[in-house]
Amino acid sequence: MLRKLMKHEFRATARIMGPLFLIVLVLALAANLAIRFLLDSDVFLPNLLGGLLMAAFIIGMASLAIMSIVLMVNRFRTNLMGDEGYVTLTLPVSSHQIVWSKIIVSTVWFIATGIVEALAMLVCFFDLDIMRNIFNSYYFHQALQALHELVKRYGLNVPAIAIELIVFCLLSCAVLCLEFYAAMAVGHSFANHKGALSVLFFFVFQFALQFISGLLFNTDQFQNMFDTGMEGMGAFHQMMAIFIGTELIIGAVYYVITTLTLKKRLNLQ
């Protein structure tokens, strides 16, 4: 059933995110043309047009990032907190499956948004001659040589680093979703001012997280976790393990708040 929920969620969100991705990539191409042919013009009108295209590209990039979050929040709110909640919560699925479908789909869109924005930046500033000069330059080969020396001297495990960073990135996206979900679930457990209370609880969770983190990070026990004499890759892996473990704990807390509130305290009136 989780697969069916995810399939429906992907279809509903792709209608919005798909066209947005295409628009941003088209704006990136237009911005590239503006940089190469319009912005250097001595004539006012082409220069103005180039500036407008660059402004449209920047606005499009910012709007895409914001829209991915807004869509994630709105889908959860409308499907579970609005009138659709009466239908959604009567489906033969558990609240855990509903929440997981939202988390997975939203995380995928967050990652896809990051990839599209990186691709758009590449398209915007791509110039074949410049790229050829970079890859053939002395400094590029020196950078490759320096990277090779780092790998040789410190034993850098590039695949392990990549896996740890990907896991941390995925967890961070999931935790971001859960923080919004938990705030909305608690806010909508009240009879009145549900939207305002959802926003309030989001900032309450943020404050509580920062306060607890500050207390823990300043304890001797936490400082001793880094004072083990490890260097190089060992220290990096230890740091990433702590970061990933912290994200897991925070995500688990938000997940429990979300699912328990949906089960026991959700108020759709």
C-alpha atoms as a PDB file:
ATOM      1  CA  MET A   1       0.000   0.000   0.000  1.00  0.00           C
ATOM      2  CA  LEU A   2       2.924   2.326   0.639  1.00  0.00           C
ATOM      3  CA  ARG A   3       3.911   1.983  -3.010  1.00  0.00           C
ATOM      4  CA  LYS A   4       0.413   3.000  -4.137  1.00  0.00           C
ATOM      5  CA  LEU A   5       0.455   6.026  -1.852  1.00  0.00           C
ATOM      6  CA  MET A   6       3.841   7.083  -3.203  1.00  0.00           C
ATOM      7  CA  LYS A   7       2.699   6.579  -6.793  1.00  0.00           C
ATOM      8  CA  HIS A   8      -0.325   8.813  -6.241  1.00  0.00           C
ATOM      9  CA  GLU A   9       1.814  11.414  -4.440  1.00  0.00           C
ATOM     10  CA  PHE A  10       4.420  11.478  -7.208  1.00  0.00           C
ATOM     11  CA  ARG A  11       1.728  11.946  -9.851  1.00  0.00           C
ATOM     12  CA  ALA A  12       0.106  14.809  -7.970  1.00  0.00           C
ATOM     13  CA  THR A  13       3.358  16.656  -7.265  1.00  0.00           C
ATOM     14  CA  ALA A  14       4.957  16.013 -10.675  1.00  0.00           C
ATOM     15  CA  ARG A  15       2.238  18.129 -12.294  1.00  0.00           C
ATOM     16  CA  ILE A  16       3.749  21.125 -10.523  1.00  0.00           C
ATOM     17  CA  MET A  17       7.439  20.281 -10.129  1.00  0.00           C
ATOM     18  CA  GLY A  18       7.928  18.972 -13.673  1.00  0.00           C
ATOM     19  CA  PRO A  19       6.927  22.234 -15.430  1.00  0.00           C
ATOM     20  CA  LEU A  20       8.916  24.239 -12.863  1.00  0.00           C
ATOM     21  CA  PHE A  21      12.061  22.226 -13.631  1.00  0.00           C
ATOM     22  CA  LEU A  22      11.552  22.834 -17.344  1.00  0.00           C
ATOM     23  CA  ILE A  23      10.984  26.571 -16.835  1.00  0.00           C
ATOM     24  CA  VAL A  24      14.164  26.948 -14.762  1.00  0.00           C
ATOM     25  CA  LEU A  25      16.258  25.102 -17.355  1.00  0.00           C
ATOM     26  CA  VAL A  26      14.829  27.257 -20.166  1.00  0.00           C
ATOM     27  CA  LEU A  27      15.592  30.389 -18.122  1.00  0.00           C
ATOM     28  CA  ALA A  28      19.128  29.078 -17.583  1.00  0.00           C
ATOM     29  CA  LEU A  29      19.608  28.710 -21.334  1.00  0.00           C
ATOM     30  CA  ALA A  30      18.181  32.211 -21.879  1.00  0.00           C
ATOM     31  CA  ALA A  31      20.543  33.584 -19.222  1.00  0.00           C
ATOM     32  CA  ASN A  32      23.492  31.887 -20.938  1.00  0.00           C
ATOM     33  CA  LEU A  33      22.574  33.554 -24.217  1.00  0.00           C
ATOM     34  CA  ALA A  34      22.162  36.863 -22.405  1.00  0.00           C
ATOM     35  CA  ILE A  35      25.644  36.612 -20.893  1.00  0.00           C
ATOM     36  CA  ARG A  36      27.249  35.751 -24.222  1.00  0.00           C
ATOM     37  CA  PHE A  37      25.406  38.098 -26.591  1.00  0.00           C
ATOM     38  CA  LEU A  38      23.381  40.761 -24.766  1.00  0.00           C
ATOM     39  CA  LEU A  39      25.057  41.981 -21.587  1.00  0.00           C
ATOM     40  CA  ASP A  40      28.227  43.096 -23.374  1.00  0.00           C
ATOM     41  CA  SER A  41      26.310  45.102 -25.926  1.00  0.00           C
ATOM     42  CA  ASP A  42      26.812  48.855 -26.102  1.00  0.00           C
ATOM     43  CA  VAL A  43      23.183  49.286 -27.144  1.00  0.00           C
ATOM     44  CA  PHE A  44      20.760  49.979 -24.312  1.00  0.00           C
ATOM     45  CA  LEU A  45      17.864  47.721 -25.360  1.00  0.00           C
ATOM     46  CA  PRO A  46      19.827  44.448 -25.721  1.00  0.00           C
ATOM     47  CA  ASN A  47      21.646  45.248 -22.487  1.00  0.00           C
ATOM     48  CA  LEU A  48      18.338  45.790 -20.709  1.00  0.00           C
ATOM     49  CA  LEU A  49      16.909  42.580 -22.155  1.00  0.00           C
ATOM     50  CA  GLY A  50      19.964  40.655 -20.978  1.00  0.00           C
ATOM     51  CA  GLY A  51      19.594  42.070 -17.474  1.00  0.00           C
ATOM     52  CA  LEU A  52      15.915  41.112 -17.394  1.00  0.00           C
ATOM     53  CA  LEU A  53      16.714  37.566 -18.488  1.00  0.00           C
ATOM     54  CA  MET A  54      19.354  37.248 -15.771  1.00  0.00           C
ATOM     55  CA  ALA A  55      16.901  38.601 -13.189  1.00  0.00           C
ATOM     56  CA  ALA A  56      14.256  36.134 -14.372  1.00  0.00           C
ATOM     57  CA  PHE A  57      16.747  33.271 -14.023  1.00  0.00           C
ATOM     58  CA  ILE A  58      17.680  34.272 -10.460  1.00  0.00           C
ATOM     59  CA  ILE A  59      14.009  34.648  -9.489  1.00  0.00           C
ATOM     60  CA  GLY A  60      13.240  31.283 -11.082  1.00  0.00           C
ATOM     61  CA  MET A  61      16.015  29.567  -9.118  1.00  0.00           C
ATOM     62  CA  ALA A  62      14.812  31.047  -5.830  1.00  0.00           C
ATOM     63  CA  SER A  63      11.175  30.279  -6.631  1.00  0.00           C
ATOM     64  CA  LEU A  64      11.961  26.644  -7.412  1.00  0.00           C
ATOM     65  CA  ALA A  65      13.685  26.132  -4.049  1.00  0.00           C
ATOM     66  CA  ILE A  66      10.845  27.837  -2.178  1.00  0.00           C
ATOM     67  CA  MET A  67       8.156  26.021  -4.150  1.00  0.00           C
ATOM     68  CA  SER A  68       9.592  22.606  -3.325  1.00  0.00           C
ATOM     69  CA  ILE A  69       9.132  23.375   0.380  1.00  0.00           C
ATOM     70  CA  VAL A  70       5.747  25.057  -0.057  1.00  0.00           C
ATOM     71  CA  LEU A  71       4.433  22.114  -2.070  1.00  0.00           C
ATOM     72  CA  MET A  72       5.670  19.627   0.537  1.00  0.00           C
ATOM     73  CA  VAL A  73       3.951  21.556   3.341  1.00  0.00           C
ATOM     74  CA  ASN A  74       0.755  22.163   1.380  1.00  0.00           C
ATOM     75  CA  ARG A  75       0.355  18.530   0.336  1.00  0.00           C
ATOM     76  CA  PHE A  76       0.588  17.376   3.940  1.00  0.00           C
ATOM     77  CA  ARG A  77      -1.788  20.083   5.134  1.00  0.00           C
ATOM     78  CA  THR A  78      -4.456  19.575   2.479  1.00  0.00           C
ATOM     79  CA  ASN A  79      -4.308  15.756   2.481  1.00  0.00           C
ATOM     80  CA  LEU A  80      -4.404  15.314   6.254  1.00  0.00           C
ATOM     81  CA  MET A  81      -5.460  18.565   7.913  1.00  0.00           C
ATOM     82  CA  GLY A  82      -8.101  19.840   5.486  1.00  0.00           C
ATOM     83  CA  ASP A  83     -11.325  18.386   4.119  1.00  0.00           C
ATOM     84  CA  GLU A  84      -9.356  15.664   2.313  1.00  0.00           C
ATOM     85  CA  GLY A  85      -8.262  14.410   5.721  1.00  0.00           C
ATOM     86  CA  TYR A  86     -11.627  12.724   6.247  1.00  0.00           C
ATOM     87  CA  VAL A  87     -11.004  10.621   3.141  1.00  0.00           C
ATOM     88  CA  THR A  88      -7.281  10.058   3.636  1.00  0.00           C
ATOM     89  CA  LEU A  89      -7.621   8.877   7.229  1.00  0.00           C
ATOM     90  CA  THR A  90     -10.357   6.385   6.294  1.00  0.00           C
ATOM     91  CA  LEU A  91      -8.153   4.613   3.753  1.00  0.00           C
ATOM     92  CA  PRO A  92      -7.053   1.074   4.696  1.00  0.00           C
ATOM     93  CA  VAL A  93      -3.546   2.297   5.500  1.00  0.00           C
ATOM     94  CA  SER A  94      -1.778   3.208   8.716  1.00  0.00           C
ATOM     95  CA  SER A  95      -0.691   6.701   9.654  1.00  0.00           C
ATOM     96  CA  HIS A  96       2.896   5.423   9.434  1.00  0.00           C
ATOM     97  CA  GLN A  97       2.445   4.553   5.756  1.00  0.00           C
ATOM     98  CA  ILE A  98       0.882   7.937   5.036  1.00  0.00           C
ATOM     99  CA  VAL A  99       3.704   9.817   6.749  1.00  0.00           C
ATOM    100  CA  TRP A 100       6.406   7.706   5.106  1.00  0.00           C
ATOM    101  CA  SER A 101       4.908   8.263   1.658  1.00  0.00           C
ATOM    102  CA  LYS A 102       5.008  12.022   2.257  1.00  0.00           C
ATOM    103  CA  ILE A 103       8.575  11.906   3.576  1.00  0.00           C
ATOM    104  CA  ILE A 104       9.949   9.802   0.728  1.00  0.00           C
ATOM    105  CA  VAL A 105       8.259  11.771  -2.043  1.00  0.00           C
ATOM    106  CA  SER A 106       9.208  15.146  -0.559  1.00  0.00           C
ATOM    107  CA  THR A 107      12.822  14.038  -0.050  1.00  0.00           C
ATOM    108  CA  VAL A 108      13.039  12.873  -3.661  1.00  0.00           C
ATOM    109  CA  TRP A 109      11.765  16.248  -4.852  1.00  0.00           C
ATOM    110  CA  PHE A 110      14.236  18.092  -2.612  1.00  0.00           C
ATOM    111  CA  ILE A 111      17.116  16.099  -4.105  1.00  0.00           C
ATOM    112  CA  ALA A 112      15.763  16.540  -7.629  1.00  0.00           C
ATOM    113  CA  THR A 113      15.449  20.291  -7.016  1.00  0.00           C
ATOM    114  CA  GLY A 114      19.087  20.485  -5.935  1.00  0.00           C
ATOM    115  CA  ILE A 115      20.207  18.545  -9.024  1.00  0.00           C
ATOM    116  CA  VAL A 116      18.132  20.711 -11.379  1.00  0.00           C
ATOM    117  CA  GLU A 117      19.424  23.922  -9.796  1.00  0.00           C
ATOM    118  CA  ALA A 118      23.031  22.713 -10.114  1.00  0.00           C
ATOM    119  CA  LEU A 119      22.374  21.775 -13.742  1.00  0.00           C
ATOM    120  CA  ALA A 120      20.742  25.152 -14.356  1.00  0.00           C
ATOM    121  CA  MET A 121      23.801  26.946 -12.972  1.00  0.00           C
ATOM    122  CA  LEU A 122      26.018  24.863 -15.257  1.00  0.00           C
ATOM    123  CA  VAL A 123      23.841  25.689 -18.265  1.00  0.00           C
ATOM    124  CA  CYS A 124      23.768  29.374 -17.358  1.00  0.00           C
ATOM    125  CA  PHE A 125      27.534  29.819 -17.166  1.00  0.00           C
ATOM    126  CA  PHE A 126      28.606  27.142 -19.630  1.00  0.00           C
ATOM    127  CA  ASP A 127      31.034  28.227 -22.318  1.00  0.00           C
ATOM    128  CA  LEU A 128      32.831  25.590 -24.379  1.00  0.00           C
ATOM    129  CA  ASP A 129      35.983  27.656 -24.899  1.00  0.00           C
ATOM    130  CA  ILE A 130      36.249  28.523 -21.210  1.00  0.00           C
ATOM    131  CA  MET A 131      35.703  24.906 -20.172  1.00  0.00           C
ATOM    132  CA  ARG A 132      38.328  23.727 -22.641  1.00  0.00           C
ATOM    133  CA  ASN A 133      40.808  26.271 -21.304  1.00  0.00           C
ATOM    134  CA  ILE A 134      40.099  25.251 -17.710  1.00  0.00           C
ATOM    135  CA  PHE A 135      40.618  21.548 -18.322  1.00  0.00           C
ATOM    136  CA  ASN A 136      43.771  22.172 -20.318  1.00  0.00           C
ATOM    137  CA  SER A 137      45.212  24.725 -17.912  1.00  0.00           C
ATOM    138  CA  TYR A 138      48.236  24.232 -15.710  1.00  0.00           C
ATOM    139  CA  TYR A 139      46.229  25.042 -12.579  1.00  0.00           C
ATOM    140  CA  PHE A 140      43.671  22.300 -13.277  1.00  0.00           C
ATOM    141  CA  HIS A 141      46.404  19.683 -13.562  1.00  0.00           C
ATOM    142  CA  GLN A 142      48.000  21.046 -10.387  1.00  0.00           C
ATOM    143  CA  ALA A 143      44.672  20.700  -8.582  1.00  0.00           C
ATOM    144  CA  LEU A 144      44.358  17.089  -9.752  1.00  0.00           C
ATOM    145  CA  GLN A 145      47.905  16.409  -8.566  1.00  0.00           C
ATOM    146  CA  ALA A 146      47.149  17.975  -5.181  1.00  0.00           C
ATOM    147  CA  LEU A 147      44.013  15.823  -4.845  1.00  0.00           C
ATOM    148  CA  HIS A 148      46.044  12.733  -5.699  1.00  0.00           C
ATOM    149  CA  GLU A 149      48.580  13.650  -3.004  1.00  0.00           C
ATOM    150  CA  LEU A 150      45.807  14.124  -0.430  1.00  0.00           C
ATOM    151  CA  VAL A 151      44.354  10.719  -1.253  1.00  0.00           C
ATOM    152  CA  LYS A 152      47.788   9.123  -1.013  1.00  0.00           C
ATOM    153  CA  ARG A 153      48.924  10.898   2.168  1.00  0.00           C
ATOM    154  CA  TYR A 154      45.730  10.808   4.234  1.00  0.00           C
ATOM    155  CA  GLY A 155      44.141   7.716   2.755  1.00  0.00           C
ATOM    156  CA  LEU A 156      41.019   9.501   1.585  1.00  0.00           C
ATOM    157  CA  ASN A 157      38.270   6.998   0.887  1.00  0.00           C
ATOM    158  CA  VAL A 158      36.264   8.880  -1.728  1.00  0.00           C
ATOM    159  CA  PRO A 159      33.422   6.295  -2.058  1.00  0.00           C
ATOM    160  CA  ALA A 160      32.970   6.185   1.739  1.00  0.00           C
ATOM    161  CA  ILE A 161      32.943   9.988   1.942  1.00  0.00           C
ATOM    162  CA  ALA A 162      30.383  10.169  -0.874  1.00  0.00           C
ATOM    163  CA  ILE A 163      28.131   7.580   0.795  1.00  0.00           C
ATOM    164  CA  GLU A 164      28.283   9.361   4.155  1.00  0.00           C
ATOM    165  CA  LEU A 165      27.499  12.721   2.595  1.00  0.00           C
ATOM    166  CA  ILE A 166      24.594  11.268   0.590  1.00  0.00           C
ATOM    167  CA  VAL A 167      23.151   9.573   3.690  1.00  0.00           C
ATOM    168  CA  PHE A 168      23.487  12.793   5.686  1.00  0.00           C
ATOM    169  CA  CYS A 169      21.841  14.781   2.892  1.00  0.00           C
ATOM    170  CA  LEU A 170      18.900  12.359   2.642  1.00  0.00           C
ATOM    171  CA  LEU A 171      18.425  12.359   6.408  1.00  0.00           C
ATOM    172  CA  SER A 172      18.550  16.149   6.551  1.00  0.00           C
ATOM    173  CA  CYS A 173      15.821  16.383   3.900  1.00  0.00           C
ATOM    174  CA  ALA A 174      13.666  13.843   5.736  1.00  0.00           C
ATOM    175  CA  VAL A 175      14.144  15.634   9.070  1.00  0.00           C
ATOM    176  CA  LEU A 176      13.181  18.944   7.466  1.00  0.00           C
ATOM    177  CA  CYS A 177       9.935  17.330   6.265  1.00  0.00           C
ATOM    178  CA  LEU A 178       9.245  15.841   9.678  1.00  0.00           C
ATOM    179  CA  GLU A 179       9.828  19.150  11.430  1.00  0.00           C
ATOM    180  CA  PHE A 180       7.114  20.784   9.310  1.00  0.00           C
ATOM    181  CA  TYR A 181       4.830  17.742   9.686  1.00  0.00           C
ATOM    182  CA  ALA A 182       5.207  17.651  13.470  1.00  0.00           C
ATOM    183  CA  ALA A 183       4.485  21.380  13.797  1.00  0.00           C
ATOM    184  CA  MET A 184       1.380  21.102  11.594  1.00  0.00           C
ATOM    185  CA  ALA A 185       0.134  17.983  13.369  1.00  0.00           C
ATOM    186  CA  VAL A 186       0.424  19.601  16.805  1.00  0.00           C
ATOM    187  CA  GLY A 187      -1.007  22.916  15.580  1.00  0.00           C
ATOM    188  CA  HIS A 188      -4.040  21.201  14.058  1.00  0.00           C
ATOM    189  CA  SER A 189      -4.736  19.289  17.262  1.00  0.00           C
ATOM    190  CA  PHE A 190      -6.309  22.480  18.625  1.00  0.00           C
ATOM    191  CA  ALA A 191      -9.789  23.715  17.813  1.00  0.00           C
ATOM    192  CA  ASN A 192      -8.914  27.264  16.739  1.00  0.00           C
ATOM    193  CA  HIS A 193      -6.075  29.206  15.097  1.00  0.00           C
ATOM    194  CA  LYS A 194      -4.597  26.012  13.643  1.00  0.00           C
ATOM    195  CA  GLY A 195      -2.436  27.704  11.015  1.00  0.00           C
ATOM    196  CA  ALA A 196      -1.002  30.237  13.439  1.00  0.00           C
ATOM    197  CA  LEU A 197      -0.328  27.555  16.027  1.00  0.00           C
ATOM    198  CA  SER A 198       1.420  25.392  13.428  1.00  0.00           C
ATOM    199  CA  VAL A 199       3.794  28.257  12.677  1.00  0.00           C
ATOM    200  CA  LEU A 200       4.266  28.871  16.405  1.00  0.00           C
ATOM    201  CA  PHE A 201       5.104  25.236  17.107  1.00  0.00           C
ATOM    202  CA  PHE A 202       7.576  25.198  14.211  1.00  0.00           C
ATOM    203  CA  PHE A 203       9.536  27.975  15.897  1.00  0.00           C
ATOM    204  CA  VAL A 204       9.082  26.311  19.298  1.00  0.00           C
ATOM    205  CA  PHE A 205      10.645  23.126  17.923  1.00  0.00           C
ATOM    206  CA  GLN A 206      13.460  25.163  16.402  1.00  0.00           C
ATOM    207  CA  PHE A 207      14.138  26.929  19.686  1.00  0.00           C
ATOM    208  CA  ALA A 208      14.013  23.689  21.670  1.00  0.00           C
ATOM    209  CA  LEU A 209      16.380  21.998  19.217  1.00  0.00           C
ATOM    210  CA  GLN A 210      18.885  24.856  19.330  1.00  0.00           C
ATOM    211  CA  PHE A 211      18.675  25.068  23.130  1.00  0.00           C
ATOM    212  CA  ILE A 212      19.199  21.335  23.677  1.00  0.00           C
ATOM    213  CA  SER A 213      21.978  21.220  21.075  1.00  0.00           C
ATOM    214  CA  GLY A 214      23.748  24.103  22.776  1.00  0.00           C
ATOM    215  CA  LEU A 215      23.566  22.344  26.142  1.00  0.00           C
ATOM    216  CA  LEU A 216      24.829  19.023  24.789  1.00  0.00           C
ATOM    217  CA  PHE A 217      27.626  20.456  22.654  1.00  0.00           C
ATOM    218  CA  ASN A 218      29.069  22.288  25.635  1.00  0.00           C
ATOM    219  CA  THR A 219      29.228  19.244  27.909  1.00  0.00           C
ATOM    220  CA  ASP A 220      32.523  17.552  28.732  1.00  0.00           C
ATOM    221  CA  GLN A 221      31.163  14.207  27.560  1.00  0.00           C
ATOM    222  CA  PHE A 222      30.457  15.566  24.095  1.00  0.00           C
ATOM    223  CA  GLN A 223      33.821  17.272  23.839  1.00  0.00           C
ATOM    224  CA  ASN A 224      35.541  14.033  24.830  1.00  0.00           C
ATOM    225  CA  MET A 225      33.914  12.279  21.854  1.00  0.00           C
ATOM    226  CA  PHE A 226      36.194  14.334  19.581  1.00  0.00           C
ATOM    227  CA  ASP A 227      39.216  14.177  21.867  1.00  0.00           C
ATOM    228  CA  THR A 228      40.205  10.606  20.964  1.00  0.00           C
ATOM    229  CA  GLY A 229      43.444  11.357  19.152  1.00  0.00           C
ATOM    230  CA  MET A 230      41.962  10.438  15.777  1.00  0.00           C
ATOM    231  CA  GLU A 231      43.283  12.203  12.716  1.00  0.00           C
ATOM    232  CA  GLY A 232      42.541  12.301   9.020  1.00  0.00           C
ATOM    233  CA  MET A 233      39.809   9.992   7.768  1.00  0.00           C
ATOM    234  CA  GLY A 234      39.173   8.507  11.208  1.00  0.00           C
ATOM    235  CA  ALA A 235      38.219  11.935  12.579  1.00  0.00           C
ATOM    236  CA  PHE A 236      36.069  12.651   9.535  1.00  0.00           C
ATOM    237  CA  HIS A 237      34.187   9.347   9.813  1.00  0.00           C
ATOM    238  CA  GLN A 238      33.657   9.936  13.531  1.00  0.00           C
ATOM    239  CA  MET A 239      32.295  13.422  12.862  1.00  0.00           C
ATOM    240  CA  MET A 240      29.944  12.142  10.148  1.00  0.00           C
ATOM    241  CA  ALA A 241      28.751   9.332  12.414  1.00  0.00           C
ATOM    242  CA  ILE A 242      27.860  11.899  15.085  1.00  0.00           C
ATOM    243  CA  PHE A 243      26.063  14.115  12.581  1.00  0.00           C
ATOM    244  CA  ILE A 244      24.114  11.204  11.096  1.00  0.00           C
ATOM    245  CA  GLY A 245      23.244   9.852  14.548  1.00  0.00           C
ATOM    246  CA  THR A 246      22.041  13.294  15.634  1.00  0.00           C
ATOM    247  CA  GLU A 247      19.818  13.589  12.566  1.00  0.00           C
ATOM    248  CA  LEU A 248      18.378  10.119  13.258  1.00  0.00           C
ATOM    249  CA  ILE A 249      17.509  11.064  16.836  1.00  0.00           C
ATOM    250  CA  ILE A 250      15.932  14.381  15.838  1.00  0.00           C
ATOM    251  CA  GLY A 251      13.989  12.718  13.036  1.00  0.00           C
ATOM    252  CA  ALA A 252      12.757   9.978  15.373  1.00  0.00           C
ATOM    253  CA  VAL A 253      11.452  12.564  17.848  1.00  0.00           C
ATOM    254  CA  TYR A 254       9.596  14.477  15.128  1.00  0.00           C
ATOM    255  CA  TYR A 255       8.272  11.223  13.680  1.00  0.00           C
ATOM    256  CA  VAL A 256       6.849  10.098  17.014  1.00  0.00           C
ATOM    257  CA  ILE A 257       5.241  13.504  17.568  1.00  0.00           C
ATOM    258  CA  THR A 258       3.711  13.446  14.092  1.00  0.00           C
ATOM    259  CA  THR A 259       2.334   9.910  14.106  1.00  0.00           C
ATOM    260  CA  LEU A 260       1.023   9.993  17.675  1.00  0.00           C
ATOM    261  CA  THR A 261      -0.699  13.325  17.091  1.00  0.00           C
ATOM    262  CA  LEU A 262      -2.300  12.072  13.879  1.00  0.00           C
ATOM    263  CA  LYS A 263      -3.577   8.993  15.706  1.00  0.00           C
ATOM    264  CA  LYS A 264      -4.798  10.515  18.952  1.00  0.00           C
ATOM    265  CA  ARG A 265      -5.195  14.287  18.794  1.00  0.00           C
ATOM    266  CA  LEU A 266      -5.875  15.394  15.212  1.00  0.00           C
ATOM    267  CA  ASN A 267      -8.803  17.802  15.076  1.00  0.00           C
ATOM    268  CA  LEU A 268     -10.391  18.154  11.624  1.00  0.00           C
ATOM    269  CA  GLN A 269     -13.302  20.282  12.816  1.00  0.00           C
END
